[in-house]
Amino acid sequence: MLLDLRGRDITGKELEARLDAVHITANKNAVPGDTRSPFITSGVRLGTPAVTSRGFGTAEMDRIAAWIDDTVRDFEGTRARITEEVIALCEQYPIYRN
């Protein structure tokens, strides 16, 4: 899934770093017609196999989308909360079950 950040005051490189800080893995990625350098980009790519492997459904994807939006809008104000919530969700849906 590719998220186009044009029109937002953030680059793909910046959002990649912010998401990494809250334990959400994404990669900066160019979007169609991107005018930014491939080292900066105007988008991020989210790999859906990682969420489906855990058994996440639409409700969990909605939460992830909200966390990403919060990270774009108010990183410093939401960072601690999002980190805690991401860890809790991943514990609820482990990749490997005993």
PDB file of N, CA and C in Angstrom:
ATOM      1  N   MET A   1       0.852  -1.157   0.000  1.00  0.00           N
ATOM      2  CA  MET A   1       0.000   0.000   0.000  1.00  0.00           C
ATOM      3  C   MET A   1       0.906   1.230   0.000  1.00  0.00           C
ATOM      4  N   LEU A   2       0.615   2.186  -0.844  1.00  0.00           N
ATOM      5  CA  LEU A   2       1.423   3.391  -0.981  1.00  0.00           C
ATOM      6  C   LEU A   2       0.640   4.593  -0.469  1.00  0.00           C
ATOM      7  N   LEU A   3       1.253   5.344   0.429  1.00  0.00           N
ATOM      8  CA  LEU A   3       0.632   6.533   1.003  1.00  0.00           C
ATOM      9  C   LEU A   3       1.273   7.764   0.385  1.00  0.00           C
ATOM     10  N   ASP A   4       0.469   8.578  -0.300  1.00  0.00           N
ATOM     11  CA  ASP A   4       0.928   9.797  -0.963  1.00  0.00           C
ATOM     12  C   ASP A   4       0.867  10.950   0.042  1.00  0.00           C
ATOM     13  N   LEU A   5       2.004  11.540   0.327  1.00  0.00           N
ATOM     14  CA  LEU A   5       2.087  12.609   1.321  1.00  0.00           C
ATOM     15  C   LEU A   5       2.088  14.004   0.710  1.00  0.00           C
ATOM     16  N   ARG A   6       1.968  14.097  -0.606  1.00  0.00           N
ATOM     17  CA  ARG A   6       1.930  15.428  -1.211  1.00  0.00           C
ATOM     18  C   ARG A   6       0.742  16.186  -0.634  1.00  0.00           C
ATOM     19  N   GLY A   7       0.945  17.429  -0.340  1.00  0.00           N
ATOM     20  CA  GLY A   7      -0.101  18.229   0.291  1.00  0.00           C
ATOM     21  C   GLY A   7       0.000  18.216   1.810  1.00  0.00           C
ATOM     22  N   ARG A   8       0.886  17.383   2.335  1.00  0.00           N
ATOM     23  CA  ARG A   8       1.156  17.350   3.778  1.00  0.00           C
ATOM     24  C   ARG A   8       2.528  17.970   4.004  1.00  0.00           C
ATOM     25  N   ASP A   9       2.765  18.467   5.175  1.00  0.00           N
ATOM     26  CA  ASP A   9       4.035  19.116   5.486  1.00  0.00           C
ATOM     27  C   ASP A   9       5.035  18.106   6.048  1.00  0.00           C
ATOM     28  N   ILE A  10       5.261  17.019   5.292  1.00  0.00           N
ATOM     29  CA  ILE A  10       6.184  15.967   5.719  1.00  0.00           C
ATOM     30  C   ILE A  10       6.645  15.196   4.485  1.00  0.00           C
ATOM     31  N   THR A  11       7.867  14.707   4.525  1.00  0.00           N
ATOM     32  CA  THR A  11       8.392  13.901   3.421  1.00  0.00           C
ATOM     33  C   THR A  11       8.288  12.421   3.770  1.00  0.00           C
ATOM     34  N   GLY A  12       8.489  11.589   2.773  1.00  0.00           N
ATOM     35  CA  GLY A  12       8.515  10.154   3.013  1.00  0.00           C
ATOM     36  C   GLY A  12       9.645   9.762   3.949  1.00  0.00           C
ATOM     37  N   LYS A  13      10.784  10.392   3.790  1.00  0.00           N
ATOM     38  CA  LYS A  13      11.934  10.105   4.652  1.00  0.00           C
ATOM     39  C   LYS A  13      11.618  10.444   6.107  1.00  0.00           C
ATOM     40  N   GLU A  14      10.996  11.591   6.327  1.00  0.00           N
ATOM     41  CA  GLU A  14      10.648  12.000   7.696  1.00  0.00           C
ATOM     42  C   GLU A  14       9.614  11.063   8.317  1.00  0.00           C
ATOM     43  N   LEU A  15       8.595  10.713   7.541  1.00  0.00           N
ATOM     44  CA  LEU A  15       7.557   9.838   8.087  1.00  0.00           C
ATOM     45  C   LEU A  15       8.097   8.436   8.341  1.00  0.00           C
ATOM     46  N   GLU A  16       8.963   7.945   7.478  1.00  0.00           N
ATOM     47  CA  GLU A  16       9.588   6.644   7.703  1.00  0.00           C
ATOM     48  C   GLU A  16      10.280   6.628   9.072  1.00  0.00           C
ATOM     49  N   ALA A  17      11.026   7.670   9.393  1.00  0.00           N
ATOM     50  CA  ALA A  17      11.740   7.745  10.675  1.00  0.00           C
ATOM     51  C   ALA A  17      10.765   7.845  11.846  1.00  0.00           C
ATOM     52  N   ARG A  18       9.725   8.637  11.695  1.00  0.00           N
ATOM     53  CA  ARG A  18       8.732   8.766  12.769  1.00  0.00           C
ATOM     54  C   ARG A  18       8.026   7.442  13.031  1.00  0.00           C
ATOM     55  N   LEU A  19       7.619   6.773  11.965  1.00  0.00           N
ATOM     56  CA  LEU A  19       6.926   5.494  12.132  1.00  0.00           C
ATOM     57  C   LEU A  19       7.843   4.452  12.748  1.00  0.00           C
ATOM     58  N   ASP A  20       9.094   4.455  12.354  1.00  0.00           N
ATOM     59  CA  ASP A  20      10.051   3.528  12.951  1.00  0.00           C
ATOM     60  C   ASP A  20      10.150   3.762  14.462  1.00  0.00           C
ATOM     61  N   ALA A  21      10.091   5.009  14.871  1.00  0.00           N
ATOM     62  CA  ALA A  21      10.187   5.348  16.295  1.00  0.00           C
ATOM     63  C   ALA A  21       9.007   4.811  17.104  1.00  0.00           C
ATOM     64  N   VAL A  22       7.854   4.596  16.449  1.00  0.00           N
ATOM     65  CA  VAL A  22       6.676   4.056  17.152  1.00  0.00           C
ATOM     66  C   VAL A  22       6.433   2.592  16.789  1.00  0.00           C
ATOM     67  N   HIS A  23       7.444   1.947  16.201  1.00  0.00           N
ATOM     68  CA  HIS A  23       7.417   0.512  15.881  1.00  0.00           C
ATOM     69  C   HIS A  23       6.462   0.139  14.749  1.00  0.00           C
ATOM     70  N   ILE A  24       6.263   1.054  13.808  1.00  0.00           N
ATOM     71  CA  ILE A  24       5.518   0.747  12.585  1.00  0.00           C
ATOM     72  C   ILE A  24       6.536   0.795  11.445  1.00  0.00           C
ATOM     73  N   THR A  25       6.670  -0.310  10.737  1.00  0.00           N
ATOM     74  CA  THR A  25       7.664  -0.386   9.671  1.00  0.00           C
ATOM     75  C   THR A  25       7.071   0.104   8.359  1.00  0.00           C
ATOM     76  N   ALA A  26       7.752   1.056   7.750  1.00  0.00           N
ATOM     77  CA  ALA A  26       7.366   1.592   6.445  1.00  0.00           C
ATOM     78  C   ALA A  26       8.651   1.989   5.730  1.00  0.00           C
ATOM     79  N   ASN A  27       8.564   2.135   4.425  1.00  0.00           N
ATOM     80  CA  ASN A  27       9.722   2.541   3.632  1.00  0.00           C
ATOM     81  C   ASN A  27       9.369   3.781   2.836  1.00  0.00           C
ATOM     82  N   LYS A  28      10.274   4.752   2.846  1.00  0.00           N
ATOM     83  CA  LYS A  28      10.045   5.908   1.974  1.00  0.00           C
ATOM     84  C   LYS A  28       9.964   5.395   0.549  1.00  0.00           C
ATOM     85  N   ASN A  29       9.091   5.982  -0.241  1.00  0.00           N
ATOM     86  CA  ASN A  29       8.867   5.488  -1.595  1.00  0.00           C
ATOM     87  C   ASN A  29       8.375   6.639  -2.463  1.00  0.00           C
ATOM     88  N   ALA A  30       8.857   6.689  -3.677  1.00  0.00           N
ATOM     89  CA  ALA A  30       8.360   7.690  -4.618  1.00  0.00           C
ATOM     90  C   ALA A  30       6.918   7.373  -4.987  1.00  0.00           C
ATOM     91  N   VAL A  31       6.162   8.415  -5.254  1.00  0.00           N
ATOM     92  CA  VAL A  31       4.794   8.264  -5.737  1.00  0.00           C
ATOM     93  C   VAL A  31       4.781   8.646  -7.215  1.00  0.00           C
ATOM     94  N   PRO A  32       3.775   8.230  -7.979  1.00  0.00           N
ATOM     95  CA  PRO A  32       3.729   8.601  -9.393  1.00  0.00           C
ATOM     96  C   PRO A  32       3.833  10.120  -9.576  1.00  0.00           C
ATOM     97  N   GLY A  33       4.735  10.542 -10.433  1.00  0.00           N
ATOM     98  CA  GLY A  33       4.936  11.963 -10.697  1.00  0.00           C
ATOM     99  C   GLY A  33       5.696  12.694  -9.602  1.00  0.00           C
ATOM    100  N   ASP A  34       6.355  11.955  -8.731  1.00  0.00           N
ATOM    101  CA  ASP A  34       7.075  12.542  -7.596  1.00  0.00           C
ATOM    102  C   ASP A  34       8.176  13.472  -8.092  1.00  0.00           C
ATOM    103  N   THR A  35       8.237  14.675  -7.533  1.00  0.00           N
ATOM    104  CA  THR A  35       9.272  15.641  -7.903  1.00  0.00           C
ATOM    105  C   THR A  35      10.415  15.669  -6.890  1.00  0.00           C
ATOM    106  N   ARG A  36      10.252  14.942  -5.797  1.00  0.00           N
ATOM    107  CA  ARG A  36      11.310  14.891  -4.790  1.00  0.00           C
ATOM    108  C   ARG A  36      12.342  13.830  -5.157  1.00  0.00           C
ATOM    109  N   SER A  37      13.521  13.996  -4.592  1.00  0.00           N
ATOM    110  CA  SER A  37      14.616  13.045  -4.782  1.00  0.00           C
ATOM    111  C   SER A  37      14.211  11.664  -4.275  1.00  0.00           C
ATOM    112  N   PRO A  38      14.728  10.589  -4.884  1.00  0.00           N
ATOM    113  CA  PRO A  38      14.450   9.245  -4.385  1.00  0.00           C
ATOM    114  C   PRO A  38      14.995   9.013  -2.974  1.00  0.00           C
ATOM    115  N   PHE A  39      15.862   9.898  -2.512  1.00  0.00           N
ATOM    116  CA  PHE A  39      16.395   9.790  -1.156  1.00  0.00           C
ATOM    117  C   PHE A  39      15.503  10.503  -0.138  1.00  0.00           C
ATOM    118  N   ILE A  40      14.533  11.266  -0.627  1.00  0.00           N
ATOM    119  CA  ILE A  40      13.611  12.012   0.242  1.00  0.00           C
ATOM    120  C   ILE A  40      12.187  11.474   0.060  1.00  0.00           C
ATOM    121  N   THR A  41      11.662  11.486  -1.102  1.00  0.00           N
ATOM    122  CA  THR A  41      10.354  10.997  -1.564  1.00  0.00           C
ATOM    123  C   THR A  41       9.150  11.739  -0.995  1.00  0.00           C
ATOM    124  N   SER A  42       8.032  11.543  -1.664  1.00  0.00           N
ATOM    125  CA  SER A  42       6.759  12.125  -1.235  1.00  0.00           C
ATOM    126  C   SER A  42       5.790  11.060  -0.762  1.00  0.00           C
ATOM    127  N   GLY A  43       6.289   9.864  -0.493  1.00  0.00           N
ATOM    128  CA  GLY A  43       5.392   8.799  -0.056  1.00  0.00           C
ATOM    129  C   GLY A  43       6.084   7.789   0.826  1.00  0.00           C
ATOM    130  N   VAL A  44       5.264   6.920   1.405  1.00  0.00           N
ATOM    131  CA  VAL A  44       5.769   5.764   2.139  1.00  0.00           C
ATOM    132  C   VAL A  44       4.991   4.539   1.693  1.00  0.00           C
ATOM    133  N   ARG A  45       5.682   3.406   1.732  1.00  0.00           N
ATOM    134  CA  ARG A  45       5.062   2.132   1.377  1.00  0.00           C
ATOM    135  C   ARG A  45       4.900   1.317   2.645  1.00  0.00           C
ATOM    136  N   LEU A  46       3.707   0.758   2.786  1.00  0.00           N
ATOM    137  CA  LEU A  46       3.400  -0.114   3.916  1.00  0.00           C
ATOM    138  C   LEU A  46       3.165  -1.510   3.372  1.00  0.00           C
ATOM    139  N   GLY A  47       3.856  -2.483   3.920  1.00  0.00           N
ATOM    140  CA  GLY A  47       3.698  -3.861   3.465  1.00  0.00           C
ATOM    141  C   GLY A  47       2.522  -4.535   4.147  1.00  0.00           C
ATOM    142  N   THR A  48       1.526  -4.907   3.390  1.00  0.00           N
ATOM    143  CA  THR A  48       0.351  -5.554   3.983  1.00  0.00           C
ATOM    144  C   THR A  48       0.591  -6.995   4.404  1.00  0.00           C
ATOM    145  N   PRO A  49       1.566  -7.744   3.851  1.00  0.00           N
ATOM    146  CA  PRO A  49       1.780  -9.106   4.353  1.00  0.00           C
ATOM    147  C   PRO A  49       2.093  -9.151   5.850  1.00  0.00           C
ATOM    148  N   ALA A  50       2.766  -8.143   6.357  1.00  0.00           N
ATOM    149  CA  ALA A  50       3.096  -8.121   7.787  1.00  0.00           C
ATOM    150  C   ALA A  50       1.840  -8.046   8.650  1.00  0.00           C
ATOM    151  N   VAL A  51       0.849  -7.307   8.214  1.00  0.00           N
ATOM    152  CA  VAL A  51      -0.372  -7.201   9.024  1.00  0.00           C
ATOM    153  C   VAL A  51      -1.270  -8.415   8.843  1.00  0.00           C
ATOM    154  N   THR A  52      -1.318  -8.965   7.654  1.00  0.00           N
ATOM    155  CA  THR A  52      -2.155 -10.151   7.458  1.00  0.00           C
ATOM    156  C   THR A  52      -1.546 -11.376   8.115  1.00  0.00           C
ATOM    157  N   SER A  53      -0.213 -11.446   8.195  1.00  0.00           N
ATOM    158  CA  SER A  53       0.445 -12.571   8.876  1.00  0.00           C
ATOM    159  C   SER A  53       0.084 -12.628  10.352  1.00  0.00           C
ATOM    160  N   ARG A  54      -0.181 -11.485  10.929  1.00  0.00           N
ATOM    161  CA  ARG A  54      -0.574 -11.423  12.335  1.00  0.00           C
ATOM    162  C   ARG A  54      -2.068 -11.685  12.519  1.00  0.00           C
ATOM    163  N   GLY A  55      -2.811 -11.666  11.445  1.00  0.00           N
ATOM    164  CA  GLY A  55      -4.250 -11.879  11.548  1.00  0.00           C
ATOM    165  C   GLY A  55      -5.042 -10.603  11.762  1.00  0.00           C
ATOM    166  N   PHE A  56      -4.426  -9.451  11.472  1.00  0.00           N
ATOM    167  CA  PHE A  56      -5.144  -8.186  11.602  1.00  0.00           C
ATOM    168  C   PHE A  56      -6.286  -8.140  10.598  1.00  0.00           C
ATOM    169  N   GLY A  57      -7.374  -7.551  10.998  1.00  0.00           N
ATOM    170  CA  GLY A  57      -8.521  -7.348  10.125  1.00  0.00           C
ATOM    171  C   GLY A  57      -8.730  -5.866   9.868  1.00  0.00           C
ATOM    172  N   THR A  58      -9.929  -5.520   9.429  1.00  0.00           N
ATOM    173  CA  THR A  58     -10.207  -4.124   9.086  1.00  0.00           C
ATOM    174  C   THR A  58     -10.152  -3.205  10.301  1.00  0.00           C
ATOM    175  N   ALA A  59     -10.588  -3.681  11.451  1.00  0.00           N
ATOM    176  CA  ALA A  59     -10.550  -2.839  12.659  1.00  0.00           C
ATOM    177  C   ALA A  59      -9.109  -2.481  13.022  1.00  0.00           C
ATOM    178  N   GLU A  60      -8.218  -3.455  12.920  1.00  0.00           N
ATOM    179  CA  GLU A  60      -6.813  -3.203  13.232  1.00  0.00           C
ATOM    180  C   GLU A  60      -6.171  -2.291  12.186  1.00  0.00           C
ATOM    181  N   MET A  61      -6.550  -2.465  10.927  1.00  0.00           N
ATOM    182  CA  MET A  61      -6.030  -1.586   9.876  1.00  0.00           C
ATOM    183  C   MET A  61      -6.510  -0.152  10.085  1.00  0.00           C
ATOM    184  N   ASP A  62      -7.752   0.009  10.550  1.00  0.00           N
ATOM    185  CA  ASP A  62      -8.249   1.351  10.876  1.00  0.00           C
ATOM    186  C   ASP A  62      -7.402   1.986  11.980  1.00  0.00           C
ATOM    187  N   ARG A  63      -7.030   1.193  12.980  1.00  0.00           N
ATOM    188  CA  ARG A  63      -6.183   1.709  14.066  1.00  0.00           C
ATOM    189  C   ARG A  63      -4.815   2.117  13.531  1.00  0.00           C
ATOM    190  N   ILE A  64      -4.241   1.292  12.673  1.00  0.00           N
ATOM    191  CA  ILE A  64      -2.934   1.612  12.093  1.00  0.00           C
ATOM    192  C   ILE A  64      -3.016   2.907  11.288  1.00  0.00           C
ATOM    193  N   ALA A  65      -4.073   3.062  10.508  1.00  0.00           N
ATOM    194  CA  ALA A  65      -4.259   4.290   9.726  1.00  0.00           C
ATOM    195  C   ALA A  65      -4.356   5.505  10.648  1.00  0.00           C
ATOM    196  N   ALA A  66      -5.077   5.367  11.752  1.00  0.00           N
ATOM    197  CA  ALA A  66      -5.207   6.475  12.706  1.00  0.00           C
ATOM    198  C   ALA A  66      -3.856   6.804  13.344  1.00  0.00           C
ATOM    199  N   TRP A  67      -3.075   5.772  13.668  1.00  0.00           N
ATOM    200  CA  TRP A  67      -1.746   6.013  14.243  1.00  0.00           C
ATOM    201  C   TRP A  67      -0.850   6.749  13.258  1.00  0.00           C
ATOM    202  N   ILE A  68      -0.917   6.353  11.994  1.00  0.00           N
ATOM    203  CA  ILE A  68      -0.098   7.020  10.980  1.00  0.00           C
ATOM    204  C   ILE A  68      -0.522   8.478  10.857  1.00  0.00           C
ATOM    205  N   ASP A  69      -1.821   8.722  10.820  1.00  0.00           N
ATOM    206  CA  ASP A  69      -2.324  10.092  10.731  1.00  0.00           C
ATOM    207  C   ASP A  69      -1.876  10.915  11.939  1.00  0.00           C
ATOM    208  N   ASP A  70      -1.988  10.345  13.132  1.00  0.00           N
ATOM    209  CA  ASP A  70      -1.536  11.046  14.340  1.00  0.00           C
ATOM    210  C   ASP A  70      -0.040  11.334  14.280  1.00  0.00           C
ATOM    211  N   THR A  71       0.727  10.395  13.742  1.00  0.00           N
ATOM    212  CA  THR A  71       2.176  10.564  13.626  1.00  0.00           C
ATOM    213  C   THR A  71       2.515  11.701  12.665  1.00  0.00           C
ATOM    214  N   VAL A  72       1.727  11.847  11.608  1.00  0.00           N
ATOM    215  CA  VAL A  72       1.931  12.945  10.663  1.00  0.00           C
ATOM    216  C   VAL A  72       1.558  14.274  11.318  1.00  0.00           C
ATOM    217  N   ARG A  73       0.420  14.315  11.986  1.00  0.00           N
ATOM    218  CA  ARG A  73      -0.122  15.573  12.519  1.00  0.00           C
ATOM    219  C   ARG A  73       0.567  16.063  13.795  1.00  0.00           C
ATOM    220  N   ASP A  74       0.874  15.157  14.719  1.00  0.00           N
ATOM    221  CA  ASP A  74       1.392  15.570  16.031  1.00  0.00           C
ATOM    222  C   ASP A  74       2.304  14.492  16.600  1.00  0.00           C
ATOM    223  N   PHE A  75       3.448  14.320  15.992  1.00  0.00           N
ATOM    224  CA  PHE A  75       4.358  13.243  16.381  1.00  0.00           C
ATOM    225  C   PHE A  75       4.757  13.324  17.848  1.00  0.00           C
ATOM    226  N   GLU A  76       5.248  14.464  18.274  1.00  0.00           N
ATOM    227  CA  GLU A  76       5.731  14.580  19.654  1.00  0.00           C
ATOM    228  C   GLU A  76       4.601  14.403  20.665  1.00  0.00           C
ATOM    229  N   GLY A  77       3.419  14.874  20.338  1.00  0.00           N
ATOM    230  CA  GLY A  77       2.297  14.774  21.266  1.00  0.00           C
ATOM    231  C   GLY A  77       1.670  13.393  21.348  1.00  0.00           C
ATOM    232  N   THR A  78       1.919  12.545  20.355  1.00  0.00           N
ATOM    233  CA  THR A  78       1.268  11.229  20.319  1.00  0.00           C
ATOM    234  C   THR A  78       2.247  10.062  20.363  1.00  0.00           C
ATOM    235  N   ARG A  79       3.508  10.351  20.288  1.00  0.00           N
ATOM    236  CA  ARG A  79       4.539   9.307  20.170  1.00  0.00           C
ATOM    237  C   ARG A  79       4.464   8.246  21.268  1.00  0.00           C
ATOM    238  N   ALA A  80       4.417   8.640  22.519  1.00  0.00           N
ATOM    239  CA  ALA A  80       4.417   7.676  23.630  1.00  0.00           C
ATOM    240  C   ALA A  80       3.161   6.809  23.602  1.00  0.00           C
ATOM    241  N   ARG A  81       2.012   7.436  23.387  1.00  0.00           N
ATOM    242  CA  ARG A  81       0.751   6.685  23.352  1.00  0.00           C
ATOM    243  C   ARG A  81       0.741   5.686  22.209  1.00  0.00           C
ATOM    244  N   ILE A  82       1.130   6.127  21.023  1.00  0.00           N
ATOM    245  CA  ILE A  82       1.118   5.239  19.862  1.00  0.00           C
ATOM    246  C   ILE A  82       2.074   4.071  20.075  1.00  0.00           C
ATOM    247  N   THR A  83       3.256   4.339  20.594  1.00  0.00           N
ATOM    248  CA  THR A  83       4.226   3.268  20.844  1.00  0.00           C
ATOM    249  C   THR A  83       3.629   2.209  21.760  1.00  0.00           C
ATOM    250  N   GLU A  84       3.010   2.630  22.848  1.00  0.00           N
ATOM    251  CA  GLU A  84       2.382   1.690  23.785  1.00  0.00           C
ATOM    252  C   GLU A  84       1.277   0.887  23.108  1.00  0.00           C
ATOM    253  N   GLU A  85       0.442   1.559  22.317  1.00  0.00           N
ATOM    254  CA  GLU A  85      -0.677   0.889  21.659  1.00  0.00           C
ATOM    255  C   GLU A  85      -0.200  -0.092  20.593  1.00  0.00           C
ATOM    256  N   VAL A  86       0.838   0.263  19.856  1.00  0.00           N
ATOM    257  CA  VAL A  86       1.384  -0.643  18.835  1.00  0.00           C
ATOM    258  C   VAL A  86       1.939  -1.901  19.499  1.00  0.00           C
ATOM    259  N   ILE A  87       2.694  -1.726  20.561  1.00  0.00           N
ATOM    260  CA  ILE A  87       3.255  -2.879  21.275  1.00  0.00           C
ATOM    261  C   ILE A  87       2.139  -3.768  21.811  1.00  0.00           C
ATOM    262  N   ALA A  88       1.110  -3.169  22.389  1.00  0.00           N
ATOM    263  CA  ALA A  88      -0.012  -3.948  22.934  1.00  0.00           C
ATOM    264  C   ALA A  88      -0.733  -4.723  21.837  1.00  0.00           C
ATOM    265  N   LEU A  89      -0.948  -4.092  20.688  1.00  0.00           N
ATOM    266  CA  LEU A  89      -1.629  -4.776  19.590  1.00  0.00           C
ATOM    267  C   LEU A  89      -0.787  -5.944  19.078  1.00  0.00           C
ATOM    268  N   CYS A  90       0.505  -5.740  18.948  1.00  0.00           N
ATOM    269  CA  CYS A  90       1.378  -6.821  18.473  1.00  0.00           C
ATOM    270  C   CYS A  90       1.439  -7.973  19.474  1.00  0.00           C
ATOM    271  N   GLU A  91       1.362  -7.670  20.756  1.00  0.00           N
ATOM    272  CA  GLU A  91       1.316  -8.737  21.764  1.00  0.00           C
ATOM    273  C   GLU A  91       0.005  -9.512  21.683  1.00  0.00           C
ATOM    274  N   GLN A  92      -1.059  -8.818  21.335  1.00  0.00           N
ATOM    275  CA  GLN A  92      -2.372  -9.453  21.191  1.00  0.00           C
ATOM    276  C   GLN A  92      -2.419 -10.357  19.961  1.00  0.00           C
ATOM    277  N   TYR A  93      -1.660 -10.015  18.931  1.00  0.00           N
ATOM    278  CA  TYR A  93      -1.619 -10.769  17.676  1.00  0.00           C
ATOM    279  C   TYR A  93      -0.177 -11.168  17.360  1.00  0.00           C
ATOM    280  N   PRO A  94       0.391 -12.099  18.109  1.00  0.00           N
ATOM    281  CA  PRO A  94       1.793 -12.473  17.857  1.00  0.00           C
ATOM    282  C   PRO A  94       1.950 -13.185  16.511  1.00  0.00           C
ATOM    283  N   ILE A  95       3.128 -13.069  15.943  1.00  0.00           N
ATOM    284  CA  ILE A  95       3.403 -13.763  14.682  1.00  0.00           C
ATOM    285  C   ILE A  95       3.444 -15.266  14.918  1.00  0.00           C
ATOM    286  N   TYR A  96       4.095 -15.672  16.000  1.00  0.00           N
ATOM    287  CA  TYR A  96       4.197 -17.096  16.328  1.00  0.00           C
ATOM    288  C   TYR A  96       3.453 -17.350  17.626  1.00  0.00           C
ATOM    289  N   ARG A  97       2.557 -18.300  17.586  1.00  0.00           N
ATOM    290  CA  ARG A  97       1.820 -18.679  18.792  1.00  0.00           C
ATOM    291  C   ARG A  97       2.386 -19.988  19.314  1.00  0.00           C
ATOM    292  N   ASN A  98       2.474 -20.097  20.622  1.00  0.00           N
ATOM    293  CA  ASN A  98       2.981 -21.333  21.240  1.00  0.00           C
ATOM    294  C   ASN A  98       1.955 -22.436  21.166  1.00  0.00           C
TER     295      ASN A  98
END
